[in-house]
Amino acid sequence: MDYKAEIKKALSENKVVIGSREVLRFLKTDKLKFVVVALNCPESIRKDIEYNAKLAGVDVFVFDGTGRDLGIFCGKPFPIAALAVEG
């Protein structure tokens, strides 16, 4: 799956959850397609997201760049450690 194309599509449809706390909250609702974490996302946060994603049956992808790169990719003026696409 080309998760980058899916992110762009979801951004245009306003179906993106931004921020690690929000992603963790949404993982408990079973309404997500997949999760993306930045390469430099803190390990404790990444492990927490991966654990909850496994319980929810949601794929986790690692973005090939930093949180700042992920923010730029999404057209935001701030770094993004984690985001999720609603399904």
N, C-alpha and C. Protein backbone atom coordinates (compact mmCIF):
# COMPACT_ATOMS: atom_id res chain seq x y z
N MET A 1 0.84 -1.19 0.00
CA MET A 1 0.00 0.00 0.00
C MET A 1 0.88 1.24 0.00
N ASP A 2 0.54 2.21 -0.81
CA ASP A 2 1.25 3.48 -0.84
C ASP A 2 0.62 4.40 0.20
N TYR A 3 1.17 4.36 1.41
CA TYR A 3 0.54 5.11 2.49
C TYR A 3 0.65 6.62 2.28
N LYS A 4 1.68 7.08 1.54
CA LYS A 4 1.82 8.52 1.32
C LYS A 4 0.67 9.06 0.45
N ALA A 5 0.30 8.30 -0.57
CA ALA A 5 -0.83 8.71 -1.41
C ALA A 5 -2.12 8.70 -0.61
N GLU A 6 -2.26 7.71 0.26
CA GLU A 6 -3.45 7.64 1.13
C GLU A 6 -3.52 8.83 2.08
N ILE A 7 -2.36 9.26 2.59
CA ILE A 7 -2.33 10.43 3.49
C ILE A 7 -2.80 11.67 2.73
N LYS A 8 -2.27 11.87 1.52
CA LYS A 8 -2.66 13.04 0.72
C LYS A 8 -4.16 13.04 0.46
N LYS A 9 -4.71 11.87 0.12
CA LYS A 9 -6.15 11.76 -0.14
C LYS A 9 -6.94 12.08 1.13
N ALA A 10 -6.51 11.51 2.26
CA ALA A 10 -7.20 11.72 3.53
C ALA A 10 -7.12 13.19 3.97
N LEU A 11 -6.00 13.85 3.70
CA LEU A 11 -5.87 15.27 4.04
C LEU A 11 -6.89 16.10 3.27
N SER A 12 -7.10 15.76 2.00
CA SER A 12 -8.07 16.51 1.21
C SER A 12 -9.50 16.25 1.68
N GLU A 13 -9.72 15.08 2.27
CA GLU A 13 -11.06 14.73 2.76
C GLU A 13 -11.22 15.05 4.25
N ASN A 14 -10.18 15.62 4.85
CA ASN A 14 -10.19 15.97 6.28
C ASN A 14 -10.43 14.74 7.17
N LYS A 15 -9.75 13.64 6.85
CA LYS A 15 -9.90 12.41 7.62
C LYS A 15 -8.57 11.98 8.24
N VAL A 16 -7.79 12.97 8.71
CA VAL A 16 -6.50 12.69 9.31
C VAL A 16 -6.53 13.10 10.78
N VAL A 17 -6.02 12.23 11.63
CA VAL A 17 -5.89 12.51 13.06
C VAL A 17 -4.42 12.82 13.30
N ILE A 18 -4.11 14.02 13.80
CA ILE A 18 -2.73 14.44 13.99
C ILE A 18 -2.39 14.52 15.47
N GLY A 19 -1.23 13.96 15.83
CA GLY A 19 -0.74 14.01 17.20
C GLY A 19 -0.81 12.65 17.87
N SER A 20 0.22 12.33 18.62
CA SER A 20 0.30 11.01 19.24
C SER A 20 -0.82 10.76 20.25
N ARG A 21 -1.19 11.76 21.04
CA ARG A 21 -2.28 11.57 22.01
C ARG A 21 -3.60 11.30 21.31
N GLU A 22 -3.86 12.07 20.25
CA GLU A 22 -5.10 11.87 19.50
C GLU A 22 -5.11 10.50 18.81
N VAL A 23 -3.97 10.10 18.26
CA VAL A 23 -3.88 8.79 17.60
C VAL A 23 -4.19 7.69 18.61
N LEU A 24 -3.60 7.77 19.79
CA LEU A 24 -3.86 6.75 20.83
C LEU A 24 -5.33 6.74 21.23
N ARG A 25 -5.94 7.91 21.31
CA ARG A 25 -7.36 7.98 21.66
C ARG A 25 -8.21 7.34 20.58
N PHE A 26 -7.90 7.61 19.32
CA PHE A 26 -8.67 7.06 18.21
C PHE A 26 -8.43 5.57 18.02
N LEU A 27 -7.25 5.07 18.42
CA LEU A 27 -6.99 3.63 18.28
C LEU A 27 -7.96 2.82 19.13
N LYS A 28 -8.48 3.41 20.17
CA LYS A 28 -9.42 2.70 21.04
C LYS A 28 -10.84 2.69 20.48
N THR A 29 -11.08 3.44 19.37
CA THR A 29 -12.42 3.49 18.79
C THR A 29 -12.57 2.57 17.59
N ASP A 30 -11.48 1.95 17.12
CA ASP A 30 -11.52 1.04 15.97
C ASP A 30 -12.03 1.71 14.70
N LYS A 31 -11.65 2.95 14.47
CA LYS A 31 -12.11 3.65 13.27
C LYS A 31 -10.96 4.09 12.38
N LEU A 32 -9.78 3.48 12.53
CA LEU A 32 -8.62 3.92 11.77
C LEU A 32 -8.20 2.89 10.72
N LYS A 33 -7.70 3.40 9.58
CA LYS A 33 -7.16 2.53 8.53
C LYS A 33 -5.73 2.14 8.86
N PHE A 34 -4.90 3.15 9.14
CA PHE A 34 -3.50 2.90 9.48
C PHE A 34 -2.93 4.10 10.22
N VAL A 35 -1.75 3.89 10.81
CA VAL A 35 -1.06 4.91 11.59
C VAL A 35 0.33 5.11 10.97
N VAL A 36 0.81 6.35 10.99
CA VAL A 36 2.15 6.67 10.53
C VAL A 36 2.88 7.39 11.65
N VAL A 37 4.10 6.93 11.96
CA VAL A 37 4.93 7.60 12.96
C VAL A 37 6.19 8.11 12.28
N ALA A 38 6.68 9.24 12.74
CA ALA A 38 7.91 9.81 12.20
C ALA A 38 9.11 8.98 12.63
N LEU A 39 10.16 9.07 11.86
CA LEU A 39 11.38 8.31 12.14
C LEU A 39 11.96 8.66 13.50
N ASN A 40 11.82 9.92 13.91
CA ASN A 40 12.40 10.35 15.19
C ASN A 40 11.35 10.44 16.31
N CYS A 41 10.23 9.76 16.13
CA CYS A 41 9.22 9.72 17.19
C CYS A 41 9.83 9.07 18.44
N PRO A 42 9.65 9.65 19.62
CA PRO A 42 10.22 9.05 20.83
C PRO A 42 9.82 7.59 20.98
N GLU A 43 10.78 6.77 21.38
CA GLU A 43 10.59 5.32 21.44
C GLU A 43 9.41 4.92 22.32
N SER A 44 9.25 5.59 23.46
CA SER A 44 8.15 5.23 24.36
C SER A 44 6.79 5.47 23.69
N ILE A 45 6.68 6.56 22.96
CA ILE A 45 5.43 6.86 22.27
C ILE A 45 5.20 5.87 21.14
N ARG A 46 6.27 5.57 20.38
CA ARG A 46 6.15 4.63 19.27
C ARG A 46 5.71 3.26 19.76
N LYS A 47 6.31 2.79 20.86
CA LYS A 47 5.94 1.47 21.40
C LYS A 47 4.50 1.46 21.87
N ASP A 48 4.06 2.54 22.50
CA ASP A 48 2.68 2.65 22.97
C ASP A 48 1.71 2.60 21.78
N ILE A 49 2.04 3.33 20.72
CA ILE A 49 1.19 3.35 19.53
C ILE A 49 1.18 1.98 18.87
N GLU A 50 2.37 1.36 18.73
CA GLU A 50 2.44 0.04 18.09
C GLU A 50 1.66 -1.01 18.88
N TYR A 51 1.75 -0.96 20.20
CA TYR A 51 1.02 -1.92 21.04
C TYR A 51 -0.49 -1.76 20.86
N ASN A 52 -0.97 -0.53 20.94
CA ASN A 52 -2.41 -0.29 20.80
C ASN A 52 -2.90 -0.56 19.38
N ALA A 53 -2.06 -0.30 18.39
CA ALA A 53 -2.42 -0.59 17.00
C ALA A 53 -2.53 -2.10 16.79
N LYS A 54 -1.65 -2.84 17.41
CA LYS A 54 -1.70 -4.31 17.29
C LYS A 54 -3.01 -4.84 17.88
N LEU A 55 -3.39 -4.29 19.03
CA LEU A 55 -4.64 -4.71 19.66
C LEU A 55 -5.85 -4.37 18.78
N ALA A 56 -5.76 -3.23 18.07
CA ALA A 56 -6.86 -2.77 17.23
C ALA A 56 -6.81 -3.38 15.82
N GLY A 57 -5.71 -4.06 15.49
CA GLY A 57 -5.56 -4.64 14.16
C GLY A 57 -5.31 -3.60 13.09
N VAL A 58 -4.55 -2.56 13.45
CA VAL A 58 -4.26 -1.45 12.53
C VAL A 58 -2.77 -1.48 12.18
N ASP A 59 -2.44 -1.29 10.89
CA ASP A 59 -1.05 -1.26 10.46
C ASP A 59 -0.38 0.03 10.90
N VAL A 60 0.93 -0.08 11.20
CA VAL A 60 1.73 1.09 11.55
C VAL A 60 2.87 1.20 10.55
N PHE A 61 3.01 2.37 9.94
CA PHE A 61 4.09 2.64 9.00
C PHE A 61 5.03 3.66 9.60
N VAL A 62 6.32 3.54 9.29
CA VAL A 62 7.31 4.53 9.74
C VAL A 62 7.62 5.44 8.57
N PHE A 63 7.36 6.72 8.75
CA PHE A 63 7.64 7.72 7.72
C PHE A 63 9.14 7.86 7.57
N ASP A 64 9.63 7.92 6.33
CA ASP A 64 11.07 7.99 6.11
C ASP A 64 11.59 9.43 6.22
N GLY A 65 11.32 10.02 7.35
CA GLY A 65 11.78 11.38 7.65
C GLY A 65 11.43 11.73 9.08
N THR A 66 11.87 12.91 9.49
CA THR A 66 11.63 13.36 10.86
C THR A 66 10.20 13.88 11.02
N GLY A 67 9.87 14.25 12.24
CA GLY A 67 8.57 14.85 12.50
C GLY A 67 8.37 16.14 11.73
N ARG A 68 9.45 16.90 11.58
CA ARG A 68 9.38 18.14 10.80
C ARG A 68 9.07 17.82 9.34
N ASP A 69 9.72 16.77 8.79
CA ASP A 69 9.46 16.35 7.41
C ASP A 69 8.02 15.90 7.22
N LEU A 70 7.51 15.18 8.20
CA LEU A 70 6.13 14.71 8.14
C LEU A 70 5.16 15.89 8.19
N GLY A 71 5.47 16.88 9.01
CA GLY A 71 4.65 18.09 9.07
C GLY A 71 4.63 18.82 7.73
N ILE A 72 5.80 18.94 7.11
CA ILE A 72 5.91 19.60 5.80
C ILE A 72 5.14 18.80 4.76
N PHE A 73 5.27 17.47 4.79
CA PHE A 73 4.55 16.60 3.86
C PHE A 73 3.04 16.83 3.95
N CYS A 74 2.56 17.06 5.16
CA CYS A 74 1.13 17.25 5.37
C CYS A 74 0.71 18.72 5.20
N GLY A 75 1.66 19.59 4.91
CA GLY A 75 1.34 21.00 4.71
C GLY A 75 1.08 21.74 6.01
N LYS A 76 1.66 21.27 7.09
CA LYS A 76 1.47 21.92 8.39
C LYS A 76 2.74 22.66 8.80
N PRO A 77 2.63 23.77 9.53
CA PRO A 77 3.81 24.53 9.93
C PRO A 77 4.43 24.05 11.25
N PHE A 78 4.20 22.80 11.60
CA PHE A 78 4.72 22.26 12.85
C PHE A 78 5.09 20.79 12.65
N PRO A 79 5.99 20.26 13.50
CA PRO A 79 6.37 18.85 13.37
C PRO A 79 5.22 17.93 13.82
N ILE A 80 5.15 16.75 13.21
CA ILE A 80 4.13 15.76 13.56
C ILE A 80 4.84 14.46 13.91
N ALA A 81 4.69 14.00 15.15
CA ALA A 81 5.30 12.74 15.56
C ALA A 81 4.50 11.54 15.07
N ALA A 82 3.18 11.68 15.05
CA ALA A 82 2.32 10.57 14.63
C ALA A 82 1.03 11.11 14.03
N LEU A 83 0.51 10.36 13.08
CA LEU A 83 -0.80 10.69 12.52
C LEU A 83 -1.50 9.40 12.14
N ALA A 84 -2.81 9.48 11.97
CA ALA A 84 -3.59 8.32 11.59
C ALA A 84 -4.61 8.74 10.55
N VAL A 85 -4.97 7.78 9.71
CA VAL A 85 -5.99 8.02 8.70
C VAL A 85 -7.25 7.27 9.11
N GLU A 86 -8.36 8.02 9.15
CA GLU A 86 -9.64 7.41 9.53
C GLU A 86 -10.15 6.56 8.41
N GLY A 87 -10.81 5.46 8.79
CA GLY A 87 -11.32 4.53 7.77
C GLY A 87 -12.73 4.53 7.65
